[in-house]
Amino acid sequence: MKAPAYIQPLETAFKAHANPVSAIQMQKYMKDKFAFYGINSPLRKEIYKAHKNQYGLLPEAQTTDIVRWCWEAPEREYQYFAMEFLGKKQEKVYQKMIALYEYMITCKSWWDTVDYIAANLVGSYFKQYPESIESLTERWLNSGNIWLQRTCLLFQLKYKSETNTKLLESCINKLLHANEFFIRKAIGWALREYSKTDAEYVVRFVKTHVLSGLSEKEALKWLRNNGVLN
């Protein structure tokens, strides 16, 4: 499928900087789930900067089509580009954008895209449209899709003192008995991040809930590493 006009210069740059050796290493790191051009993060950022300077951010009228093209492209770098360029436009997004975010979460799903989308795109979206939080998180938690469930746990990662602990606790409680690694890890990660804001809350939560070993270890890691907790 031919790339949209906006993407064609990026496609040229990606191909020019492809590194087959790095591509194999990246593919193995991602459990052979995706193909890569083999472009490391610093070089990708240079390519992004040049593209942004010459062509601007994602054109509003074509954003959905461009993102979907990137998501269907074989090379993982296109998915990184799409989500990161969406992340540059988070000051104000349309309410309907959540459908695109959900598509990105549930297609070609893996931690490398889902975690960015959760913390940066969905997290920003819910700050703009808090009235959507309850219905969407309830649907996602009940979806059976581990990546939507993981998003419910992680979208508040950057909220700090604005974290809705009641919601976080509700999400954790609904997923507490999940055997899935990515859910258990996310429970711990969400608590660990919030422990930097309210250590007492997290310690109390861990003491009053039966967490998996992985979740508890992750939840208390920052506190232990920084001497807050023995």
C-alpha atoms as a PDB file:
ATOM      1  CA  MET A   1       0.000   0.000   0.000  1.00  0.00           C
ATOM      2  CA  LYS A   2       1.442   3.343  -1.051  1.00  0.00           C
ATOM      3  CA  ALA A   3       2.398   5.667   1.755  1.00  0.00           C
ATOM      4  CA  PRO A   4       0.427   8.891   2.225  1.00  0.00           C
ATOM      5  CA  ALA A   5       2.206  11.946   0.794  1.00  0.00           C
ATOM      6  CA  TYR A   6       3.078  13.190   4.286  1.00  0.00           C
ATOM      7  CA  ILE A   7       4.774   9.866   5.115  1.00  0.00           C
ATOM      8  CA  GLN A   8       6.716   9.410   1.862  1.00  0.00           C
ATOM      9  CA  PRO A   9       9.716  11.580   2.904  1.00  0.00           C
ATOM     10  CA  LEU A  10       9.822   9.700   6.201  1.00  0.00           C
ATOM     11  CA  GLU A  11       9.752   6.397   4.355  1.00  0.00           C
ATOM     12  CA  THR A  12      12.706   7.559   2.248  1.00  0.00           C
ATOM     13  CA  ALA A  13      14.645   8.581   5.375  1.00  0.00           C
ATOM     14  CA  PHE A  14      13.898   5.314   7.154  1.00  0.00           C
ATOM     15  CA  LYS A  15      15.075   3.259   4.199  1.00  0.00           C
ATOM     16  CA  ALA A  16      18.223   5.358   3.825  1.00  0.00           C
ATOM     17  CA  HIS A  17      19.186   4.783   7.459  1.00  0.00           C
ATOM     18  CA  ALA A  18      18.150   1.132   7.723  1.00  0.00           C
ATOM     19  CA  ASN A  19      20.594  -1.087   9.598  1.00  0.00           C
ATOM     20  CA  PRO A  20      19.975  -4.791   8.909  1.00  0.00           C
ATOM     21  CA  VAL A  21      22.170  -5.940  11.793  1.00  0.00           C
ATOM     22  CA  SER A  22      20.365  -3.748  14.324  1.00  0.00           C
ATOM     23  CA  ALA A  23      17.047  -4.751  12.775  1.00  0.00           C
ATOM     24  CA  ILE A  24      17.678  -8.399  13.625  1.00  0.00           C
ATOM     25  CA  GLN A  25      18.626  -7.507  17.201  1.00  0.00           C
ATOM     26  CA  MET A  26      15.547  -5.333  17.650  1.00  0.00           C
ATOM     27  CA  GLN A  27      13.308  -8.015  16.214  1.00  0.00           C
ATOM     28  CA  LYS A  28      14.704 -10.605  18.629  1.00  0.00           C
ATOM     29  CA  TYR A  29      14.271  -8.217  21.567  1.00  0.00           C
ATOM     30  CA  MET A  30      10.620  -7.889  20.640  1.00  0.00           C
ATOM     31  CA  LYS A  31      10.191 -11.678  20.547  1.00  0.00           C
ATOM     32  CA  ASP A  32      10.126 -11.680  16.725  1.00  0.00           C
ATOM     33  CA  LYS A  33       6.720 -10.036  16.737  1.00  0.00           C
ATOM     34  CA  PHE A  34       7.634  -7.140  14.434  1.00  0.00           C
ATOM     35  CA  ALA A  35       9.949  -6.250  11.589  1.00  0.00           C
ATOM     36  CA  PHE A  36      12.332  -3.303  11.995  1.00  0.00           C
ATOM     37  CA  TYR A  37      14.435  -1.011   9.855  1.00  0.00           C
ATOM     38  CA  GLY A  38      16.980  -1.161  12.663  1.00  0.00           C
ATOM     39  CA  ILE A  39      17.009   2.572  13.468  1.00  0.00           C
ATOM     40  CA  ASN A  40      17.933   3.322  17.082  1.00  0.00           C
ATOM     41  CA  SER A  41      16.096   5.881  19.166  1.00  0.00           C
ATOM     42  CA  PRO A  42      18.603   8.788  18.922  1.00  0.00           C
ATOM     43  CA  LEU A  43      18.728   8.530  15.138  1.00  0.00           C
ATOM     44  CA  ARG A  44      14.951   8.216  14.914  1.00  0.00           C
ATOM     45  CA  LYS A  45      14.628  11.439  16.905  1.00  0.00           C
ATOM     46  CA  GLU A  46      16.936  13.182  14.446  1.00  0.00           C
ATOM     47  CA  ILE A  47      14.818  11.930  11.548  1.00  0.00           C
ATOM     48  CA  TYR A  48      11.660  13.052  13.368  1.00  0.00           C
ATOM     49  CA  LYS A  49      13.086  16.522  13.943  1.00  0.00           C
ATOM     50  CA  ALA A  50      14.025  16.951  10.302  1.00  0.00           C
ATOM     51  CA  HIS A  51      10.608  15.703   9.198  1.00  0.00           C
ATOM     52  CA  LYS A  52       8.767  17.991  11.620  1.00  0.00           C
ATOM     53  CA  ASN A  53      10.821  21.020  10.592  1.00  0.00           C
ATOM     54  CA  GLN A  54      10.065  20.473   6.920  1.00  0.00           C
ATOM     55  CA  TYR A  55       6.557  18.983   6.932  1.00  0.00           C
ATOM     56  CA  GLY A  56       5.105  19.882  10.319  1.00  0.00           C
ATOM     57  CA  LEU A  57       3.160  17.657  12.678  1.00  0.00           C
ATOM     58  CA  LEU A  58       0.452  15.259  11.538  1.00  0.00           C
ATOM     59  CA  PRO A  59      -1.998  17.171   9.311  1.00  0.00           C
ATOM     60  CA  GLU A  60      -5.258  17.338  11.222  1.00  0.00           C
ATOM     61  CA  ALA A  61      -7.578  16.283   8.416  1.00  0.00           C
ATOM     62  CA  GLN A  62      -5.457  13.222   7.597  1.00  0.00           C
ATOM     63  CA  THR A  63      -4.348  12.174  11.072  1.00  0.00           C
ATOM     64  CA  THR A  64      -6.495   9.048  11.344  1.00  0.00           C
ATOM     65  CA  ASP A  65      -5.600   7.812   7.846  1.00  0.00           C
ATOM     66  CA  ILE A  66      -1.890   8.422   8.417  1.00  0.00           C
ATOM     67  CA  VAL A  67      -1.848   6.719  11.810  1.00  0.00           C
ATOM     68  CA  ARG A  68      -3.735   3.727  10.479  1.00  0.00           C
ATOM     69  CA  TRP A  69      -1.312   3.457   7.544  1.00  0.00           C
ATOM     70  CA  CYS A  70       1.603   3.525   9.982  1.00  0.00           C
ATOM     71  CA  TRP A  71      -0.053   0.864  12.114  1.00  0.00           C
ATOM     72  CA  GLU A  72      -0.525  -1.417   9.128  1.00  0.00           C
ATOM     73  CA  ALA A  73       3.052  -0.940   7.888  1.00  0.00           C
ATOM     74  CA  PRO A  74       5.349  -3.899   8.657  1.00  0.00           C
ATOM     75  CA  GLU A  75       8.215  -1.962  10.224  1.00  0.00           C
ATOM     76  CA  ARG A  76       7.800  -1.038  13.883  1.00  0.00           C
ATOM     77  CA  GLU A  77       9.425   2.360  13.411  1.00  0.00           C
ATOM     78  CA  TYR A  78       6.256   3.610  11.704  1.00  0.00           C
ATOM     79  CA  GLN A  79       4.178   2.766  14.769  1.00  0.00           C
ATOM     80  CA  TYR A  80       6.680   4.589  16.984  1.00  0.00           C
ATOM     81  CA  PHE A  81       6.521   7.614  14.699  1.00  0.00           C
ATOM     82  CA  ALA A  82       2.724   7.718  14.677  1.00  0.00           C
ATOM     83  CA  MET A  83       2.283   7.515  18.433  1.00  0.00           C
ATOM     84  CA  GLU A  84       5.119   9.914  19.214  1.00  0.00           C
ATOM     85  CA  PHE A  85       3.886  12.518  16.745  1.00  0.00           C
ATOM     86  CA  LEU A  86       0.393  12.183  18.202  1.00  0.00           C
ATOM     87  CA  GLY A  87       2.051  12.803  21.552  1.00  0.00           C
ATOM     88  CA  LYS A  88       3.303  16.156  20.283  1.00  0.00           C
ATOM     89  CA  LYS A  89      -0.291  17.291  19.722  1.00  0.00           C
ATOM     90  CA  GLN A  90      -1.750  16.595  23.146  1.00  0.00           C
ATOM     91  CA  GLU A  91      -2.521  20.170  24.211  1.00  0.00           C
ATOM     92  CA  LYS A  92      -5.990  19.736  22.743  1.00  0.00           C
ATOM     93  CA  VAL A  93      -7.431  16.661  21.061  1.00  0.00           C
ATOM     94  CA  TYR A  94     -10.895  15.968  19.747  1.00  0.00           C
ATOM     95  CA  GLN A  95     -13.089  13.721  21.856  1.00  0.00           C
ATOM     96  CA  LYS A  96     -13.478  11.251  18.997  1.00  0.00           C
ATOM     97  CA  MET A  97      -9.714  10.568  19.057  1.00  0.00           C
ATOM     98  CA  ILE A  98     -10.209   7.921  21.717  1.00  0.00           C
ATOM     99  CA  ALA A  99     -11.433   5.542  19.019  1.00  0.00           C
ATOM    100  CA  LEU A 100      -8.071   5.880  17.276  1.00  0.00           C
ATOM    101  CA  TYR A 101      -6.192   5.341  20.535  1.00  0.00           C
ATOM    102  CA  GLU A 102      -8.209   2.215  21.232  1.00  0.00           C
ATOM    103  CA  TYR A 103      -7.387   0.915  17.754  1.00  0.00           C
ATOM    104  CA  MET A 104      -3.681   1.526  18.426  1.00  0.00           C
ATOM    105  CA  ILE A 105      -3.859  -0.256  21.778  1.00  0.00           C
ATOM    106  CA  THR A 106      -5.613  -3.333  20.430  1.00  0.00           C
ATOM    107  CA  CYS A 107      -3.755  -3.746  17.112  1.00  0.00           C
ATOM    108  CA  LYS A 108      -0.132  -4.892  16.934  1.00  0.00           C
ATOM    109  CA  SER A 109      -0.244  -4.790  20.721  1.00  0.00           C
ATOM    110  CA  TRP A 110       2.907  -5.016  22.794  1.00  0.00           C
ATOM    111  CA  TRP A 111       4.326  -3.157  25.754  1.00  0.00           C
ATOM    112  CA  ASP A 112       6.533  -0.854  23.661  1.00  0.00           C
ATOM    113  CA  THR A 113       3.538   0.914  22.104  1.00  0.00           C
ATOM    114  CA  VAL A 114       0.804   0.334  24.681  1.00  0.00           C
ATOM    115  CA  ASP A 115       2.773   1.844  27.573  1.00  0.00           C
ATOM    116  CA  TYR A 116       3.479   5.044  25.634  1.00  0.00           C
ATOM    117  CA  ILE A 117      -0.115   5.325  24.448  1.00  0.00           C
ATOM    118  CA  ALA A 118      -1.473   4.734  27.958  1.00  0.00           C
ATOM    119  CA  ALA A 119       0.715   7.239  29.802  1.00  0.00           C
ATOM    120  CA  ASN A 120       0.981   9.935  27.126  1.00  0.00           C
ATOM    121  CA  LEU A 121      -2.055   9.776  24.851  1.00  0.00           C
ATOM    122  CA  VAL A 122      -4.819   8.265  26.977  1.00  0.00           C
ATOM    123  CA  GLY A 123      -3.551   9.968  30.120  1.00  0.00           C
ATOM    124  CA  SER A 124      -3.698  13.375  28.452  1.00  0.00           C
ATOM    125  CA  TYR A 125      -7.046  12.590  26.838  1.00  0.00           C
ATOM    126  CA  PHE A 126      -8.697  11.729  30.155  1.00  0.00           C
ATOM    127  CA  LYS A 127      -7.467  14.976  31.676  1.00  0.00           C
ATOM    128  CA  GLN A 128      -9.320  16.811  28.927  1.00  0.00           C
ATOM    129  CA  TYR A 129     -12.394  14.585  29.036  1.00  0.00           C
ATOM    130  CA  PRO A 130     -12.705  13.311  32.624  1.00  0.00           C
ATOM    131  CA  GLU A 131     -16.387  12.571  32.057  1.00  0.00           C
ATOM    132  CA  SER A 132     -15.289   9.709  29.780  1.00  0.00           C
ATOM    133  CA  ILE A 133     -13.135   7.946  32.346  1.00  0.00           C
ATOM    134  CA  GLU A 134     -15.733   5.877  34.179  1.00  0.00           C
ATOM    135  CA  SER A 135     -17.506   4.407  31.145  1.00  0.00           C
ATOM    136  CA  LEU A 136     -14.341   3.720  29.165  1.00  0.00           C
ATOM    137  CA  THR A 137     -12.329   2.174  31.985  1.00  0.00           C
ATOM    138  CA  GLU A 138     -15.275  -0.013  32.946  1.00  0.00           C
ATOM    139  CA  ARG A 139     -15.603  -1.250  29.366  1.00  0.00           C
ATOM    140  CA  TRP A 140     -11.880  -1.801  29.012  1.00  0.00           C
ATOM    141  CA  LEU A 141     -11.565  -3.635  32.325  1.00  0.00           C
ATOM    142  CA  ASN A 142     -14.380  -5.986  31.283  1.00  0.00           C
ATOM    143  CA  SER A 143     -13.106  -6.420  27.711  1.00  0.00           C
ATOM    144  CA  GLY A 144     -10.837  -9.394  28.384  1.00  0.00           C
ATOM    145  CA  ASN A 145      -8.132  -7.566  26.409  1.00  0.00           C
ATOM    146  CA  ILE A 146      -5.002  -7.400  28.561  1.00  0.00           C
ATOM    147  CA  TRP A 147      -3.718  -4.299  26.780  1.00  0.00           C
ATOM    148  CA  LEU A 148      -6.870  -2.283  27.396  1.00  0.00           C
ATOM    149  CA  GLN A 149      -6.759  -3.499  30.997  1.00  0.00           C
ATOM    150  CA  ARG A 150      -3.097  -2.510  31.279  1.00  0.00           C
ATOM    151  CA  THR A 151      -4.013   0.933  29.943  1.00  0.00           C
ATOM    152  CA  CYS A 152      -6.529   1.355  32.779  1.00  0.00           C
ATOM    153  CA  LEU A 153      -3.725   0.718  35.251  1.00  0.00           C
ATOM    154  CA  LEU A 154      -1.141   2.947  33.587  1.00  0.00           C
ATOM    155  CA  PHE A 155      -2.899   6.007  32.199  1.00  0.00           C
ATOM    156  CA  GLN A 156      -2.405   7.872  35.493  1.00  0.00           C
ATOM    157  CA  LEU A 157       1.361   7.279  35.589  1.00  0.00           C
ATOM    158  CA  LYS A 158       2.131  10.978  35.135  1.00  0.00           C
ATOM    159  CA  TYR A 159      -0.707  12.334  37.268  1.00  0.00           C
ATOM    160  CA  LYS A 160       1.285  12.441  40.531  1.00  0.00           C
ATOM    161  CA  SER A 161      -0.782  14.353  43.129  1.00  0.00           C
ATOM    162  CA  GLU A 162      -3.729  14.431  40.716  1.00  0.00           C
ATOM    163  CA  THR A 163      -3.964  10.634  40.742  1.00  0.00           C
ATOM    164  CA  ASN A 164      -7.459   9.375  41.438  1.00  0.00           C
ATOM    165  CA  THR A 165      -6.522   6.753  44.018  1.00  0.00           C
ATOM    166  CA  LYS A 166     -10.083   5.509  44.311  1.00  0.00           C
ATOM    167  CA  LEU A 167     -10.098   4.713  40.596  1.00  0.00           C
ATOM    168  CA  LEU A 168      -6.613   3.227  40.701  1.00  0.00           C
ATOM    169  CA  GLU A 169      -7.618   0.977  43.599  1.00  0.00           C
ATOM    170  CA  SER A 170     -10.786  -0.070  41.791  1.00  0.00           C
ATOM    171  CA  CYS A 171      -8.828  -0.993  38.656  1.00  0.00           C
ATOM    172  CA  ILE A 172      -6.292  -2.977  40.663  1.00  0.00           C
ATOM    173  CA  ASN A 173      -8.969  -4.803  42.627  1.00  0.00           C
ATOM    174  CA  LYS A 174     -10.726  -5.888  39.444  1.00  0.00           C
ATOM    175  CA  LEU A 175      -7.479  -7.305  38.051  1.00  0.00           C
ATOM    176  CA  LEU A 176      -5.949  -8.505  41.301  1.00  0.00           C
ATOM    177  CA  HIS A 177      -6.295 -12.197  40.537  1.00  0.00           C
ATOM    178  CA  ALA A 178      -5.108 -12.037  36.932  1.00  0.00           C
ATOM    179  CA  ASN A 179      -2.323 -14.469  36.129  1.00  0.00           C
ATOM    180  CA  GLU A 180      -1.110 -12.406  33.191  1.00  0.00           C
ATOM    181  CA  PHE A 181       2.463 -11.100  33.574  1.00  0.00           C
ATOM    182  CA  PHE A 182       1.735  -7.770  31.897  1.00  0.00           C
ATOM    183  CA  ILE A 183      -1.156  -7.087  34.258  1.00  0.00           C
ATOM    184  CA  ARG A 184       0.760  -8.029  37.403  1.00  0.00           C
ATOM    185  CA  LYS A 185       3.718  -5.937  36.277  1.00  0.00           C
ATOM    186  CA  ALA A 186       1.457  -2.951  35.549  1.00  0.00           C
ATOM    187  CA  ILE A 187      -0.207  -3.156  38.974  1.00  0.00           C
ATOM    188  CA  GLY A 188       3.201  -2.898  40.581  1.00  0.00           C
ATOM    189  CA  TRP A 189       4.390  -0.182  38.226  1.00  0.00           C
ATOM    190  CA  ALA A 190       1.333   2.009  38.858  1.00  0.00           C
ATOM    191  CA  LEU A 191       1.801   1.700  42.625  1.00  0.00           C
ATOM    192  CA  ARG A 192       5.555   2.251  42.375  1.00  0.00           C
ATOM    193  CA  GLU A 193       5.091   5.457  40.426  1.00  0.00           C
ATOM    194  CA  TYR A 194       2.517   6.742  42.888  1.00  0.00           C
ATOM    195  CA  SER A 195       4.802   5.839  45.812  1.00  0.00           C
ATOM    196  CA  LYS A 196       6.980   8.787  44.723  1.00  0.00           C
ATOM    197  CA  THR A 197       4.015  11.036  45.571  1.00  0.00           C
ATOM    198  CA  ASP A 198       2.436   9.257  48.541  1.00  0.00           C
ATOM    199  CA  ALA A 199       4.598   6.551  50.062  1.00  0.00           C
ATOM    200  CA  GLU A 200       2.255   5.938  52.978  1.00  0.00           C
ATOM    201  CA  TYR A 201      -0.668   5.190  50.689  1.00  0.00           C
ATOM    202  CA  VAL A 202       1.297   2.598  48.722  1.00  0.00           C
ATOM    203  CA  VAL A 203       2.735   0.897  51.810  1.00  0.00           C
ATOM    204  CA  ARG A 204      -0.736   0.723  53.328  1.00  0.00           C
ATOM    205  CA  PHE A 205      -2.203  -0.600  50.087  1.00  0.00           C
ATOM    206  CA  VAL A 206       0.396  -3.363  49.844  1.00  0.00           C
ATOM    207  CA  LYS A 207      -0.214  -4.369  53.477  1.00  0.00           C
ATOM    208  CA  THR A 208      -3.984  -4.555  53.061  1.00  0.00           C
ATOM    209  CA  HIS A 209      -4.135  -6.348  49.695  1.00  0.00           C
ATOM    210  CA  VAL A 210      -2.940  -9.769  48.631  1.00  0.00           C
ATOM    211  CA  LEU A 211      -0.750  -8.892  45.661  1.00  0.00           C
ATOM    212  CA  SER A 212       1.227 -11.272  43.516  1.00  0.00           C
ATOM    213  CA  GLY A 213       4.922 -11.445  44.324  1.00  0.00           C
ATOM    214  CA  LEU A 214       5.737  -9.555  41.132  1.00  0.00           C
ATOM    215  CA  SER A 215       3.226  -6.779  41.842  1.00  0.00           C
ATOM    216  CA  GLU A 216       4.422  -6.309  45.413  1.00  0.00           C
ATOM    217  CA  LYS A 217       8.081  -6.296  44.420  1.00  0.00           C
ATOM    218  CA  GLU A 218       7.455  -3.666  41.751  1.00  0.00           C
ATOM    219  CA  ALA A 219       5.224  -1.585  44.020  1.00  0.00           C
ATOM    220  CA  LEU A 220       7.877  -1.248  46.730  1.00  0.00           C
ATOM    221  CA  LYS A 221      10.970  -1.124  44.524  1.00  0.00           C
ATOM    222  CA  TRP A 222      11.394   2.666  44.455  1.00  0.00           C
ATOM    223  CA  LEU A 223      10.785   2.990  48.191  1.00  0.00           C
ATOM    224  CA  ARG A 224      13.356   0.306  48.980  1.00  0.00           C
ATOM    225  CA  ASN A 225      15.928   1.558  46.494  1.00  0.00           C
ATOM    226  CA  ASN A 226      15.701   5.045  47.959  1.00  0.00           C
ATOM    227  CA  GLY A 227      15.867   3.996  51.605  1.00  0.00           C
ATOM    228  CA  VAL A 228      12.286   4.994  52.392  1.00  0.00           C
ATOM    229  CA  LEU A 229      11.421   1.395  53.221  1.00  0.00           C
ATOM    230  CA  ASN A 230      13.724  -1.273  54.615  1.00  0.00           C
END
